[in-house]
Amino acid sequence: MEAGIFYNPDLTQIINGREILSPGPKVSHQRILVKVLRILDDFVQAKELGEIFRVPLDVIFEENFNILQPDLMFISKARENIIQDWIRGVPDLVIEIVSPESNEMDTVVKKEIYQRYGVSEFWLIFPEKALLEVYELRENKFHLCGVYHAEDQVKSPVLPGLTFTLGSILPAQ
């Protein structure tokens, strides 16, 4: 790097009005992210449903109060107007890959924010448990609609017809 250039691998988010620094993702996290990205992007592009985006990209739910960076998100063609300089509005699907360091932030704090702003579907991928939880928003509340283990075929309410085994995105144990 050139002298005077500072590299910060941390991700900055504004969560409930507080600036939060999160460490950049580890290699294992990135490997899962890339595999899920490929599966989702291939499916969404083939069916011309919208676009898939990945971290780092701000999702501005509420200026200066809730600006998050989900690991992955899907935005349907019906909501493409929220794709601007950043994402300014509510994605249809948000995915968080949970690490031990991000467990509470992803499973409690960010989950509540996604629910509050009306994200239709929310995934929590737990690599260390070889587990995926899929939540669907109904009556303004997330309801667990699927728990998937390594050999299970994952299905998505927001992306009907999408299927893949959870094990295909997880690192070899």
N, C-alpha and C. Protein backbone atom coordinates (compact mmCIF):
# COMPACT_ATOMS: atom_id res chain seq x y z
N MET A 1 0.83 -1.18 0.00
CA MET A 1 0.00 0.00 0.00
C MET A 1 0.87 1.24 0.00
N GLU A 2 0.33 2.29 -0.58
CA GLU A 2 1.06 3.56 -0.60
C GLU A 2 1.09 4.17 0.79
N ALA A 3 2.15 4.93 1.06
CA ALA A 3 2.25 5.63 2.33
C ALA A 3 1.07 6.59 2.46
N GLY A 4 0.51 6.65 3.65
CA GLY A 4 -0.59 7.57 3.91
C GLY A 4 -1.96 7.00 3.63
N ILE A 5 -2.03 5.80 3.02
CA ILE A 5 -3.32 5.18 2.78
C ILE A 5 -3.59 4.22 3.91
N PHE A 6 -4.75 4.39 4.56
CA PHE A 6 -5.12 3.57 5.69
C PHE A 6 -6.16 2.55 5.24
N TYR A 7 -5.92 1.30 5.56
CA TYR A 7 -6.88 0.24 5.23
C TYR A 7 -7.60 -0.18 6.48
N ASN A 8 -8.92 -0.14 6.45
CA ASN A 8 -9.73 -0.58 7.57
C ASN A 8 -10.61 -1.73 7.09
N PRO A 9 -10.33 -2.98 7.54
CA PRO A 9 -11.11 -4.12 7.08
C PRO A 9 -12.46 -4.24 7.77
N ASP A 10 -12.75 -3.36 8.71
CA ASP A 10 -14.01 -3.43 9.44
C ASP A 10 -15.15 -2.83 8.64
N LEU A 11 -16.35 -3.33 8.91
CA LEU A 11 -17.56 -2.83 8.28
C LEU A 11 -18.26 -1.91 9.27
N THR A 12 -18.66 -0.74 8.83
CA THR A 12 -19.38 0.18 9.69
C THR A 12 -20.86 0.13 9.36
N GLN A 13 -21.66 -0.03 10.40
CA GLN A 13 -23.11 -0.02 10.26
C GLN A 13 -23.65 0.95 11.30
N ILE A 14 -24.83 1.48 11.05
CA ILE A 14 -25.52 2.27 12.06
C ILE A 14 -26.73 1.45 12.46
N ILE A 15 -26.75 1.04 13.71
CA ILE A 15 -27.78 0.15 14.22
C ILE A 15 -28.47 0.82 15.39
N ASN A 16 -29.76 1.10 15.20
CA ASN A 16 -30.55 1.79 16.23
C ASN A 16 -29.86 3.07 16.70
N GLY A 17 -29.31 3.81 15.72
CA GLY A 17 -28.71 5.10 16.00
C GLY A 17 -27.27 5.07 16.47
N ARG A 18 -26.68 3.88 16.64
CA ARG A 18 -25.29 3.76 17.11
C ARG A 18 -24.41 3.22 16.00
N GLU A 19 -23.24 3.84 15.85
CA GLU A 19 -22.28 3.34 14.87
C GLU A 19 -21.62 2.08 15.43
N ILE A 20 -21.66 1.02 14.66
CA ILE A 20 -21.13 -0.27 15.07
C ILE A 20 -20.06 -0.69 14.06
N LEU A 21 -18.88 -1.02 14.56
CA LEU A 21 -17.82 -1.58 13.72
C LEU A 21 -17.82 -3.08 13.88
N SER A 22 -17.85 -3.78 12.78
CA SER A 22 -17.77 -5.24 12.80
C SER A 22 -16.51 -5.64 12.05
N PRO A 23 -15.81 -6.66 12.53
CA PRO A 23 -14.62 -7.09 11.79
C PRO A 23 -15.01 -7.61 10.41
N GLY A 24 -14.11 -7.46 9.47
CA GLY A 24 -14.35 -8.01 8.14
C GLY A 24 -14.52 -9.51 8.21
N PRO A 25 -15.23 -10.10 7.26
CA PRO A 25 -15.49 -11.54 7.30
C PRO A 25 -14.21 -12.36 7.14
N LYS A 26 -14.21 -13.53 7.78
CA LYS A 26 -13.10 -14.47 7.67
C LYS A 26 -13.23 -15.26 6.35
N VAL A 27 -12.20 -15.98 5.99
CA VAL A 27 -12.17 -16.73 4.74
C VAL A 27 -13.32 -17.74 4.67
N SER A 28 -13.58 -18.48 5.75
CA SER A 28 -14.64 -19.49 5.73
C SER A 28 -16.00 -18.84 5.47
N HIS A 29 -16.22 -17.68 6.03
CA HIS A 29 -17.44 -16.92 5.84
C HIS A 29 -17.56 -16.52 4.36
N GLN A 30 -16.48 -16.03 3.79
CA GLN A 30 -16.48 -15.61 2.39
C GLN A 30 -16.74 -16.78 1.44
N ARG A 31 -16.20 -17.94 1.77
CA ARG A 31 -16.43 -19.12 0.91
C ARG A 31 -17.91 -19.47 0.86
N ILE A 32 -18.58 -19.44 2.00
CA ILE A 32 -20.01 -19.72 2.05
C ILE A 32 -20.77 -18.64 1.29
N LEU A 33 -20.41 -17.40 1.53
CA LEU A 33 -21.07 -16.28 0.87
C LEU A 33 -21.00 -16.42 -0.65
N VAL A 34 -19.84 -16.76 -1.17
CA VAL A 34 -19.67 -16.88 -2.62
C VAL A 34 -20.52 -18.03 -3.17
N LYS A 35 -20.57 -19.15 -2.46
CA LYS A 35 -21.37 -20.29 -2.94
C LYS A 35 -22.86 -19.93 -2.96
N VAL A 36 -23.35 -19.30 -1.90
CA VAL A 36 -24.77 -18.92 -1.87
C VAL A 36 -25.04 -17.87 -2.94
N LEU A 37 -24.13 -16.92 -3.08
CA LEU A 37 -24.27 -15.88 -4.11
C LEU A 37 -24.43 -16.50 -5.49
N ARG A 38 -23.59 -17.47 -5.81
CA ARG A 38 -23.65 -18.11 -7.13
C ARG A 38 -24.99 -18.81 -7.35
N ILE A 39 -25.43 -19.56 -6.34
CA ILE A 39 -26.70 -20.29 -6.46
C ILE A 39 -27.86 -19.32 -6.66
N LEU A 40 -27.92 -18.30 -5.80
CA LEU A 40 -29.02 -17.34 -5.88
C LEU A 40 -28.97 -16.53 -7.16
N ASP A 41 -27.79 -16.06 -7.52
CA ASP A 41 -27.67 -15.22 -8.72
C ASP A 41 -28.02 -16.00 -9.98
N ASP A 42 -27.56 -17.24 -10.07
CA ASP A 42 -27.90 -18.07 -11.24
C ASP A 42 -29.42 -18.24 -11.34
N PHE A 43 -30.07 -18.52 -10.22
CA PHE A 43 -31.52 -18.72 -10.20
C PHE A 43 -32.26 -17.44 -10.56
N VAL A 44 -31.90 -16.34 -9.91
CA VAL A 44 -32.58 -15.06 -10.12
C VAL A 44 -32.37 -14.55 -11.55
N GLN A 45 -31.16 -14.69 -12.08
CA GLN A 45 -30.89 -14.23 -13.44
C GLN A 45 -31.63 -15.08 -14.48
N ALA A 46 -31.63 -16.40 -14.28
CA ALA A 46 -32.30 -17.29 -15.23
C ALA A 46 -33.80 -16.99 -15.32
N LYS A 47 -34.39 -16.60 -14.21
CA LYS A 47 -35.83 -16.33 -14.18
C LYS A 47 -36.15 -14.84 -14.28
N GLU A 48 -35.09 -14.01 -14.40
CA GLU A 48 -35.25 -12.55 -14.52
C GLU A 48 -36.13 -11.98 -13.40
N LEU A 49 -35.78 -12.33 -12.16
CA LEU A 49 -36.59 -11.96 -11.00
C LEU A 49 -36.16 -10.65 -10.34
N GLY A 50 -34.91 -10.25 -10.53
CA GLY A 50 -34.39 -9.07 -9.85
C GLY A 50 -32.89 -9.15 -9.75
N GLU A 51 -32.35 -8.70 -8.62
CA GLU A 51 -30.89 -8.69 -8.43
C GLU A 51 -30.49 -9.18 -7.06
N ILE A 52 -29.30 -9.77 -7.00
CA ILE A 52 -28.67 -10.20 -5.75
C ILE A 52 -27.50 -9.26 -5.49
N PHE A 53 -27.37 -8.83 -4.24
CA PHE A 53 -26.24 -7.99 -3.83
C PHE A 53 -25.57 -8.62 -2.62
N ARG A 54 -24.30 -8.26 -2.41
CA ARG A 54 -23.55 -8.80 -1.28
C ARG A 54 -22.85 -7.69 -0.52
N VAL A 55 -22.40 -8.04 0.67
CA VAL A 55 -21.64 -7.13 1.51
C VAL A 55 -20.33 -6.77 0.79
N PRO A 56 -19.75 -5.64 0.88
CA PRO A 56 -20.23 -4.48 1.63
C PRO A 56 -21.11 -3.58 0.75
N LEU A 57 -22.33 -3.38 1.18
CA LEU A 57 -23.25 -2.47 0.52
C LEU A 57 -24.27 -2.03 1.56
N ASP A 58 -24.40 -0.73 1.73
CA ASP A 58 -25.34 -0.21 2.72
C ASP A 58 -26.78 -0.40 2.29
N VAL A 59 -27.59 -0.82 3.24
CA VAL A 59 -29.03 -0.84 3.10
C VAL A 59 -29.55 0.22 4.07
N ILE A 60 -30.09 1.27 3.50
CA ILE A 60 -30.54 2.40 4.32
C ILE A 60 -32.03 2.22 4.58
N PHE A 61 -32.32 1.74 5.78
CA PHE A 61 -33.71 1.59 6.20
C PHE A 61 -34.24 2.93 6.69
N GLU A 62 -33.38 3.63 7.43
CA GLU A 62 -33.75 4.93 7.99
C GLU A 62 -32.45 5.73 8.15
N GLU A 63 -32.36 6.84 7.43
CA GLU A 63 -31.15 7.66 7.38
C GLU A 63 -30.65 7.98 8.79
N ASN A 64 -29.35 7.75 9.02
CA ASN A 64 -28.66 8.06 10.27
C ASN A 64 -29.19 7.29 11.48
N PHE A 65 -30.03 6.27 11.26
CA PHE A 65 -30.53 5.50 12.40
C PHE A 65 -30.35 4.00 12.19
N ASN A 66 -30.71 3.49 11.02
CA ASN A 66 -30.51 2.08 10.71
C ASN A 66 -30.00 1.93 9.28
N ILE A 67 -28.67 1.75 9.19
CA ILE A 67 -27.99 1.51 7.92
C ILE A 67 -27.19 0.23 8.14
N LEU A 68 -27.65 -0.86 7.56
CA LEU A 68 -27.05 -2.16 7.79
C LEU A 68 -26.36 -2.68 6.54
N GLN A 69 -25.50 -3.67 6.74
CA GLN A 69 -24.81 -4.33 5.63
C GLN A 69 -25.02 -5.84 5.75
N PRO A 70 -26.15 -6.34 5.25
CA PRO A 70 -26.35 -7.79 5.29
C PRO A 70 -25.35 -8.50 4.39
N ASP A 71 -25.10 -9.76 4.69
CA ASP A 71 -24.15 -10.52 3.87
C ASP A 71 -24.64 -10.64 2.43
N LEU A 72 -25.91 -10.98 2.26
CA LEU A 72 -26.51 -11.10 0.93
C LEU A 72 -27.93 -10.58 0.98
N MET A 73 -28.42 -10.11 -0.17
CA MET A 73 -29.81 -9.70 -0.25
C MET A 73 -30.32 -9.86 -1.67
N PHE A 74 -31.62 -10.07 -1.77
CA PHE A 74 -32.31 -10.15 -3.05
C PHE A 74 -33.31 -9.00 -3.09
N ILE A 75 -33.33 -8.32 -4.24
CA ILE A 75 -34.30 -7.26 -4.49
C ILE A 75 -35.03 -7.61 -5.78
N SER A 76 -36.34 -7.77 -5.65
CA SER A 76 -37.16 -8.16 -6.80
C SER A 76 -37.31 -7.00 -7.78
N LYS A 77 -37.70 -7.33 -9.00
CA LYS A 77 -37.95 -6.29 -10.01
C LYS A 77 -39.02 -5.32 -9.54
N ALA A 78 -39.99 -5.83 -8.78
CA ALA A 78 -41.07 -4.96 -8.29
C ALA A 78 -40.55 -3.89 -7.33
N ARG A 79 -39.39 -4.12 -6.72
CA ARG A 79 -38.84 -3.18 -5.75
C ARG A 79 -37.55 -2.52 -6.26
N GLU A 80 -37.26 -2.64 -7.56
CA GLU A 80 -35.98 -2.17 -8.08
C GLU A 80 -35.76 -0.67 -7.90
N ASN A 81 -36.80 0.08 -7.60
CA ASN A 81 -36.64 1.52 -7.37
C ASN A 81 -35.81 1.82 -6.12
N ILE A 82 -35.62 0.85 -5.23
CA ILE A 82 -34.80 1.08 -4.03
C ILE A 82 -33.31 0.94 -4.33
N ILE A 83 -32.98 0.44 -5.52
CA ILE A 83 -31.57 0.30 -5.93
C ILE A 83 -31.13 1.65 -6.48
N GLN A 84 -30.36 2.37 -5.68
CA GLN A 84 -29.90 3.70 -6.06
C GLN A 84 -28.39 3.76 -5.85
N ASP A 85 -27.88 4.81 -5.23
CA ASP A 85 -26.45 4.87 -4.91
C ASP A 85 -26.10 3.78 -3.89
N TRP A 86 -27.00 3.53 -2.98
CA TRP A 86 -27.00 2.40 -2.07
C TRP A 86 -28.38 1.79 -2.19
N ILE A 87 -28.70 0.85 -1.34
CA ILE A 87 -30.05 0.31 -1.30
C ILE A 87 -30.83 1.19 -0.33
N ARG A 88 -31.84 1.87 -0.83
CA ARG A 88 -32.62 2.81 -0.02
C ARG A 88 -34.05 2.27 0.12
N GLY A 89 -34.19 1.32 1.02
CA GLY A 89 -35.47 0.69 1.25
C GLY A 89 -35.29 -0.74 1.71
N VAL A 90 -36.33 -1.52 1.57
CA VAL A 90 -36.38 -2.85 2.16
C VAL A 90 -36.19 -3.94 1.11
N PRO A 91 -35.12 -4.74 1.22
CA PRO A 91 -34.94 -5.88 0.32
C PRO A 91 -36.04 -6.93 0.56
N ASP A 92 -36.25 -7.78 -0.43
CA ASP A 92 -37.22 -8.87 -0.29
C ASP A 92 -36.68 -9.99 0.59
N LEU A 93 -35.38 -10.27 0.45
CA LEU A 93 -34.73 -11.36 1.17
C LEU A 93 -33.39 -10.86 1.68
N VAL A 94 -33.10 -11.15 2.95
CA VAL A 94 -31.82 -10.80 3.55
C VAL A 94 -31.22 -12.07 4.16
N ILE A 95 -29.91 -12.24 3.98
CA ILE A 95 -29.20 -13.42 4.49
C ILE A 95 -28.03 -12.96 5.34
N GLU A 96 -27.92 -13.55 6.53
CA GLU A 96 -26.77 -13.32 7.41
C GLU A 96 -26.09 -14.66 7.66
N ILE A 97 -24.76 -14.67 7.52
CA ILE A 97 -23.95 -15.84 7.84
C ILE A 97 -23.40 -15.59 9.24
N VAL A 98 -23.81 -16.42 10.18
CA VAL A 98 -23.55 -16.17 11.60
C VAL A 98 -22.23 -16.80 12.03
N SER A 99 -21.40 -15.99 12.66
CA SER A 99 -20.17 -16.48 13.29
C SER A 99 -20.34 -16.37 14.79
N PRO A 100 -19.50 -17.03 15.57
CA PRO A 100 -19.62 -16.89 17.03
C PRO A 100 -19.56 -15.42 17.47
N GLU A 101 -18.73 -14.63 16.79
CA GLU A 101 -18.58 -13.22 17.16
C GLU A 101 -19.81 -12.38 16.79
N SER A 102 -20.58 -12.80 15.79
CA SER A 102 -21.72 -12.01 15.34
C SER A 102 -23.06 -12.60 15.77
N ASN A 103 -23.03 -13.66 16.57
CA ASN A 103 -24.26 -14.39 16.90
C ASN A 103 -25.37 -13.48 17.43
N GLU A 104 -25.13 -12.76 18.49
CA GLU A 104 -26.19 -11.93 19.06
C GLU A 104 -26.60 -10.81 18.11
N MET A 105 -25.64 -10.19 17.46
CA MET A 105 -25.94 -9.11 16.53
C MET A 105 -26.84 -9.60 15.39
N ASP A 106 -26.51 -10.76 14.81
CA ASP A 106 -27.27 -11.28 13.67
C ASP A 106 -28.62 -11.87 14.08
N THR A 107 -28.63 -12.66 15.16
CA THR A 107 -29.82 -13.43 15.51
C THR A 107 -30.83 -12.67 16.36
N VAL A 108 -30.40 -11.58 16.98
CA VAL A 108 -31.32 -10.81 17.82
C VAL A 108 -31.48 -9.39 17.27
N VAL A 109 -30.40 -8.63 17.26
CA VAL A 109 -30.48 -7.20 16.95
C VAL A 109 -30.87 -6.97 15.48
N LYS A 110 -30.11 -7.53 14.55
CA LYS A 110 -30.40 -7.30 13.14
C LYS A 110 -31.71 -7.99 12.72
N LYS A 111 -31.97 -9.16 13.27
CA LYS A 111 -33.23 -9.85 12.97
C LYS A 111 -34.42 -8.96 13.33
N GLU A 112 -34.37 -8.32 14.49
CA GLU A 112 -35.46 -7.45 14.93
C GLU A 112 -35.61 -6.25 13.99
N ILE A 113 -34.50 -5.71 13.54
CA ILE A 113 -34.55 -4.56 12.62
C ILE A 113 -35.15 -4.99 11.28
N TYR A 114 -34.71 -6.13 10.74
CA TYR A 114 -35.26 -6.61 9.47
C TYR A 114 -36.76 -6.84 9.59
N GLN A 115 -37.18 -7.39 10.71
CA GLN A 115 -38.61 -7.61 10.96
C GLN A 115 -39.36 -6.28 11.03
N ARG A 116 -38.83 -5.34 11.80
CA ARG A 116 -39.47 -4.04 12.00
C ARG A 116 -39.70 -3.30 10.69
N TYR A 117 -38.72 -3.37 9.78
CA TYR A 117 -38.84 -2.64 8.51
C TYR A 117 -39.55 -3.44 7.42
N GLY A 118 -39.86 -4.70 7.68
CA GLY A 118 -40.70 -5.45 6.74
C GLY A 118 -39.98 -6.28 5.69
N VAL A 119 -38.79 -6.79 6.00
CA VAL A 119 -38.12 -7.72 5.09
C VAL A 119 -38.99 -8.99 5.00
N SER A 120 -39.34 -9.41 3.80
CA SER A 120 -40.26 -10.54 3.62
C SER A 120 -39.69 -11.88 4.06
N GLU A 121 -38.40 -12.08 3.83
CA GLU A 121 -37.77 -13.36 4.18
C GLU A 121 -36.37 -13.10 4.71
N PHE A 122 -35.99 -13.87 5.73
CA PHE A 122 -34.70 -13.69 6.40
C PHE A 122 -34.09 -15.06 6.66
N TRP A 123 -32.82 -15.21 6.25
CA TRP A 123 -32.10 -16.46 6.49
C TRP A 123 -30.97 -16.22 7.48
N LEU A 124 -30.80 -17.18 8.37
CA LEU A 124 -29.64 -17.23 9.26
C LEU A 124 -28.90 -18.53 8.95
N ILE A 125 -27.67 -18.40 8.45
CA ILE A 125 -26.83 -19.57 8.16
C ILE A 125 -25.83 -19.71 9.30
N PHE A 126 -25.85 -20.89 9.94
CA PHE A 126 -24.94 -21.20 11.05
C PHE A 126 -23.94 -22.24 10.57
N PRO A 127 -22.80 -21.83 10.02
CA PRO A 127 -21.83 -22.79 9.47
C PRO A 127 -21.35 -23.81 10.51
N GLU A 128 -21.09 -23.37 11.72
CA GLU A 128 -20.53 -24.27 12.73
C GLU A 128 -21.52 -25.34 13.18
N LYS A 129 -22.81 -25.09 12.98
CA LYS A 129 -23.85 -26.06 13.33
C LYS A 129 -24.38 -26.79 12.10
N ALA A 130 -23.90 -26.41 10.91
CA ALA A 130 -24.43 -26.94 9.65
C ALA A 130 -25.95 -26.81 9.64
N LEU A 131 -26.41 -25.57 9.84
CA LEU A 131 -27.83 -25.29 10.03
C LEU A 131 -28.21 -24.00 9.34
N LEU A 132 -29.41 -23.99 8.78
CA LEU A 132 -29.99 -22.79 8.17
C LEU A 132 -31.41 -22.64 8.69
N GLU A 133 -31.73 -21.44 9.18
CA GLU A 133 -33.09 -21.12 9.59
C GLU A 133 -33.64 -20.11 8.59
N VAL A 134 -34.86 -20.38 8.10
CA VAL A 134 -35.54 -19.48 7.17
C VAL A 134 -36.77 -18.93 7.86
N TYR A 135 -36.87 -17.61 7.88
CA TYR A 135 -38.00 -16.91 8.49
C TYR A 135 -38.79 -16.19 7.42
N GLU A 136 -40.10 -16.23 7.56
CA GLU A 136 -40.99 -15.52 6.65
C GLU A 136 -41.79 -14.51 7.46
N LEU A 137 -41.94 -13.31 6.91
CA LEU A 137 -42.70 -12.26 7.58
C LEU A 137 -44.19 -12.46 7.32
N ARG A 138 -44.94 -12.64 8.39
CA ARG A 138 -46.40 -12.75 8.31
C ARG A 138 -46.98 -11.93 9.45
N GLU A 139 -47.92 -11.08 9.14
CA GLU A 139 -48.56 -10.21 10.14
C GLU A 139 -47.51 -9.45 10.95
N ASN A 140 -46.51 -8.91 10.22
CA ASN A 140 -45.44 -8.08 10.79
C ASN A 140 -44.54 -8.79 11.79
N LYS A 141 -44.51 -10.12 11.74
CA LYS A 141 -43.65 -10.91 12.62
C LYS A 141 -42.95 -11.99 11.80
N PHE A 142 -41.68 -12.26 12.14
CA PHE A 142 -40.98 -13.37 11.51
C PHE A 142 -41.48 -14.68 12.12
N HIS A 143 -41.79 -15.61 11.23
CA HIS A 143 -42.18 -16.95 11.63
C HIS A 143 -41.19 -17.92 11.02
N LEU A 144 -40.67 -18.82 11.83
CA LEU A 144 -39.75 -19.83 11.34
C LEU A 144 -40.51 -20.75 10.40
N CYS A 145 -40.11 -20.79 9.14
CA CYS A 145 -40.82 -21.63 8.17
C CYS A 145 -39.96 -22.76 7.64
N GLY A 146 -38.70 -22.83 8.08
CA GLY A 146 -37.83 -23.93 7.67
C GLY A 146 -36.55 -23.97 8.47
N VAL A 147 -36.19 -25.18 8.88
CA VAL A 147 -34.90 -25.43 9.53
C VAL A 147 -34.23 -26.52 8.70
N TYR A 148 -33.06 -26.22 8.17
CA TYR A 148 -32.40 -27.11 7.24
C TYR A 148 -31.04 -27.55 7.78
N HIS A 149 -30.76 -28.84 7.61
CA HIS A 149 -29.47 -29.42 7.97
C HIS A 149 -28.73 -29.75 6.68
N ALA A 150 -27.51 -30.23 6.80
CA ALA A 150 -26.62 -30.40 5.64
C ALA A 150 -27.25 -31.14 4.47
N GLU A 151 -27.98 -32.22 4.74
CA GLU A 151 -28.52 -33.03 3.65
C GLU A 151 -29.88 -32.55 3.13
N ASP A 152 -30.44 -31.54 3.77
CA ASP A 152 -31.78 -31.05 3.41
C ASP A 152 -31.78 -30.15 2.18
N GLN A 153 -32.89 -30.19 1.46
CA GLN A 153 -33.12 -29.30 0.31
C GLN A 153 -33.71 -27.99 0.82
N VAL A 154 -32.97 -26.91 0.65
CA VAL A 154 -33.42 -25.59 1.08
C VAL A 154 -34.47 -25.08 0.10
N LYS A 155 -35.51 -24.46 0.66
CA LYS A 155 -36.56 -23.84 -0.16
C LYS A 155 -36.80 -22.43 0.35
N SER A 156 -37.26 -21.57 -0.55
CA SER A 156 -37.46 -20.17 -0.21
C SER A 156 -38.88 -19.72 -0.58
N PRO A 157 -39.62 -19.16 0.38
CA PRO A 157 -40.94 -18.60 0.05
C PRO A 157 -40.87 -17.45 -0.96
N VAL A 158 -39.85 -16.61 -0.87
CA VAL A 158 -39.72 -15.46 -1.76
C VAL A 158 -39.25 -15.87 -3.16
N LEU A 159 -38.50 -16.97 -3.23
CA LEU A 159 -37.97 -17.46 -4.51
C LEU A 159 -38.48 -18.88 -4.77
N PRO A 160 -39.78 -19.03 -5.06
CA PRO A 160 -40.32 -20.37 -5.28
C PRO A 160 -39.61 -21.06 -6.44
N GLY A 161 -39.32 -22.34 -6.23
CA GLY A 161 -38.60 -23.11 -7.25
C GLY A 161 -37.11 -23.23 -6.96
N LEU A 162 -36.59 -22.36 -6.10
CA LEU A 162 -35.17 -22.44 -5.72
C LEU A 162 -34.99 -23.62 -4.78
N THR A 163 -34.05 -24.49 -5.10
CA THR A 163 -33.69 -25.59 -4.20
C THR A 163 -32.20 -25.88 -4.33
N PHE A 164 -31.60 -26.19 -3.20
CA PHE A 164 -30.21 -26.64 -3.15
C PHE A 164 -30.02 -27.30 -1.79
N THR A 165 -29.03 -28.15 -1.68
CA THR A 165 -28.77 -28.76 -0.37
C THR A 165 -27.90 -27.81 0.45
N LEU A 166 -28.21 -27.73 1.71
CA LEU A 166 -27.40 -26.87 2.59
C LEU A 166 -25.95 -27.31 2.56
N GLY A 167 -25.71 -28.60 2.53
CA GLY A 167 -24.34 -29.12 2.53
C GLY A 167 -23.52 -28.63 1.34
N SER A 168 -24.16 -28.27 0.25
CA SER A 168 -23.43 -27.82 -0.94
C SER A 168 -22.78 -26.45 -0.74
N ILE A 169 -23.19 -25.71 0.27
CA ILE A 169 -22.59 -24.39 0.50
C ILE A 169 -21.66 -24.36 1.71
N LEU A 170 -21.66 -25.45 2.49
CA LEU A 170 -20.87 -25.49 3.72
C LEU A 170 -19.49 -26.08 3.46
N PRO A 171 -18.49 -25.63 4.24
CA PRO A 171 -17.16 -26.23 4.10
C PRO A 171 -17.18 -27.68 4.55
N ALA A 172 -16.29 -28.48 4.01
CA ALA A 172 -16.20 -29.89 4.41
C ALA A 172 -15.86 -29.96 5.90
N GLN A 173 -16.54 -30.84 6.59
CA GLN A 173 -16.34 -30.98 8.04
C GLN A 173 -15.17 -31.89 8.34
